[in-house]
């Protein structure tokens, strides 16, 4: 299964709390771990350096009918703009 670690990012979890620094591990299309302060093991995961970015849930493009690619769509906020990860 594809594993992606978004490390050293600011996490906005949607709970109403202020964003916090940490790591997020994604397997396939599911978030499987969130670690406040970082330190999640990298293992065989592809690593995305989230420094200077904010990771947040619920970013859905309402005009997008379906994704042609079955890979997870990861978006990060950097410098006020959304970027799709490679």
C-alpha atoms as a PDB file:
ATOM      1  CA  UNK A   1       0.000   0.000   0.000  1.00  0.00           C
ATOM      2  CA  UNK A   2       1.236   3.524  -0.787  1.00  0.00           C
ATOM      3  CA  UNK A   3       2.314   5.426   2.313  1.00  0.00           C
ATOM      4  CA  UNK A   4       2.885   9.173   2.451  1.00  0.00           C
ATOM      5  CA  UNK A   5       4.204  11.083   5.457  1.00  0.00           C
ATOM      6  CA  UNK A   6       3.520  14.808   5.532  1.00  0.00           C
ATOM      7  CA  UNK A   7       6.140  15.965   8.014  1.00  0.00           C
ATOM      8  CA  UNK A   8       6.743  19.208   9.851  1.00  0.00           C
ATOM      9  CA  UNK A   9       3.458  20.857   8.882  1.00  0.00           C
ATOM     10  CA  UNK A  10       0.848  22.970  10.620  1.00  0.00           C
ATOM     11  CA  UNK A  11      -2.310  20.874  11.116  1.00  0.00           C
ATOM     12  CA  UNK A  12      -5.784  22.407  11.176  1.00  0.00           C
ATOM     13  CA  UNK A  13      -7.972  19.511  12.328  1.00  0.00           C
ATOM     14  CA  UNK A  14     -11.403  21.136  11.951  1.00  0.00           C
ATOM     15  CA  UNK A  15     -12.216  20.886  15.669  1.00  0.00           C
ATOM     16  CA  UNK A  16     -12.100  24.637  16.201  1.00  0.00           C
ATOM     17  CA  UNK A  17      -8.724  24.436  17.939  1.00  0.00           C
ATOM     18  CA  UNK A  18      -5.810  26.502  16.690  1.00  0.00           C
ATOM     19  CA  UNK A  19      -3.491  24.766  14.189  1.00  0.00           C
ATOM     20  CA  UNK A  20      -0.691  22.730  15.748  1.00  0.00           C
ATOM     21  CA  UNK A  21       2.658  21.505  14.400  1.00  0.00           C
ATOM     22  CA  UNK A  22       2.977  17.825  13.593  1.00  0.00           C
ATOM     23  CA  UNK A  23       3.145  14.930  11.142  1.00  0.00           C
ATOM     24  CA  UNK A  24       0.366  13.126   9.252  1.00  0.00           C
ATOM     25  CA  UNK A  25       0.709   9.603   7.838  1.00  0.00           C
ATOM     26  CA  UNK A  26      -1.535   8.590   4.926  1.00  0.00           C
ATOM     27  CA  UNK A  27      -1.906   5.002   3.682  1.00  0.00           C
ATOM     28  CA  UNK A  28      -3.685   4.736   0.367  1.00  0.00           C
ATOM     29  CA  UNK A  29      -6.446   7.323   0.705  1.00  0.00           C
ATOM     30  CA  UNK A  30      -6.822   7.224   4.506  1.00  0.00           C
ATOM     31  CA  UNK A  31      -5.183   9.203   7.272  1.00  0.00           C
ATOM     32  CA  UNK A  32      -3.867   6.553   9.659  1.00  0.00           C
ATOM     33  CA  UNK A  33      -1.852   8.644  12.134  1.00  0.00           C
ATOM     34  CA  UNK A  34      -1.476  12.214  13.343  1.00  0.00           C
ATOM     35  CA  UNK A  35       1.345  13.096  15.740  1.00  0.00           C
ATOM     36  CA  UNK A  36       1.405  16.456  17.518  1.00  0.00           C
ATOM     37  CA  UNK A  37       4.922  17.832  17.494  1.00  0.00           C
ATOM     38  CA  UNK A  38       6.032  15.414  14.782  1.00  0.00           C
ATOM     39  CA  UNK A  39       8.221  12.366  15.136  1.00  0.00           C
ATOM     40  CA  UNK A  40       6.169   9.769  13.233  1.00  0.00           C
ATOM     41  CA  UNK A  41       8.499   7.051  11.881  1.00  0.00           C
ATOM     42  CA  UNK A  42       9.181   7.471   8.170  1.00  0.00           C
ATOM     43  CA  UNK A  43       9.668   3.794   7.363  1.00  0.00           C
ATOM     44  CA  UNK A  44       9.075   3.237   3.640  1.00  0.00           C
ATOM     45  CA  UNK A  45       6.735   6.228   3.272  1.00  0.00           C
ATOM     46  CA  UNK A  46       7.180   8.918   0.647  1.00  0.00           C
ATOM     47  CA  UNK A  47       7.964  12.078   2.647  1.00  0.00           C
ATOM     48  CA  UNK A  48       6.529  15.505   1.884  1.00  0.00           C
ATOM     49  CA  UNK A  49       8.119  18.378   3.787  1.00  0.00           C
ATOM     50  CA  UNK A  50       5.182  20.453   4.977  1.00  0.00           C
ATOM     51  CA  UNK A  51       7.287  23.285   6.416  1.00  0.00           C
ATOM     52  CA  UNK A  52       5.484  26.595   5.921  1.00  0.00           C
ATOM     53  CA  UNK A  53       2.263  24.830   4.883  1.00  0.00           C
ATOM     54  CA  UNK A  54      -1.084  24.180   6.599  1.00  0.00           C
ATOM     55  CA  UNK A  55      -2.758  20.793   6.180  1.00  0.00           C
ATOM     56  CA  UNK A  56      -6.525  20.789   6.643  1.00  0.00           C
ATOM     57  CA  UNK A  57      -9.498  18.464   6.034  1.00  0.00           C
ATOM     58  CA  UNK A  58     -12.560  18.976   3.928  1.00  0.00           C
ATOM     59  CA  UNK A  59     -11.091  20.700   0.916  1.00  0.00           C
ATOM     60  CA  UNK A  60     -13.495  19.461  -1.732  1.00  0.00           C
ATOM     61  CA  UNK A  61     -13.856  20.972  -5.177  1.00  0.00           C
ATOM     62  CA  UNK A  62     -17.638  20.899  -5.695  1.00  0.00           C
ATOM     63  CA  UNK A  63     -17.275  21.072  -9.483  1.00  0.00           C
ATOM     64  CA  UNK A  64     -15.106  17.955  -9.645  1.00  0.00           C
ATOM     65  CA  UNK A  65     -17.332  15.032 -10.621  1.00  0.00           C
ATOM     66  CA  UNK A  66     -14.778  12.257 -10.240  1.00  0.00           C
ATOM     67  CA  UNK A  67     -11.053  11.710 -10.016  1.00  0.00           C
ATOM     68  CA  UNK A  68      -9.482   9.903 -12.939  1.00  0.00           C
ATOM     69  CA  UNK A  69      -6.533   8.928 -10.750  1.00  0.00           C
ATOM     70  CA  UNK A  70      -7.247   6.578  -7.836  1.00  0.00           C
ATOM     71  CA  UNK A  71      -4.313   7.968  -5.828  1.00  0.00           C
ATOM     72  CA  UNK A  72      -5.086  10.133  -2.817  1.00  0.00           C
ATOM     73  CA  UNK A  73      -5.528  13.788  -3.624  1.00  0.00           C
ATOM     74  CA  UNK A  74      -3.425  15.678  -1.091  1.00  0.00           C
ATOM     75  CA  UNK A  75      -3.667  19.432  -0.957  1.00  0.00           C
ATOM     76  CA  UNK A  76      -1.474  21.735   1.053  1.00  0.00           C
ATOM     77  CA  UNK A  77      -1.863  25.447   1.715  1.00  0.00           C
ATOM     78  CA  UNK A  78       1.362  27.340   1.090  1.00  0.00           C
ATOM     79  CA  UNK A  79       1.759  31.083   0.788  1.00  0.00           C
ATOM     80  CA  UNK A  80      -2.024  31.485   0.648  1.00  0.00           C
ATOM     81  CA  UNK A  81      -2.478  29.082  -2.299  1.00  0.00           C
ATOM     82  CA  UNK A  82      -3.570  25.450  -2.544  1.00  0.00           C
ATOM     83  CA  UNK A  83      -1.075  23.066  -4.128  1.00  0.00           C
ATOM     84  CA  UNK A  84      -1.622  19.445  -5.161  1.00  0.00           C
ATOM     85  CA  UNK A  85       1.249  17.276  -4.040  1.00  0.00           C
ATOM     86  CA  UNK A  86       3.126  15.347  -6.746  1.00  0.00           C
END
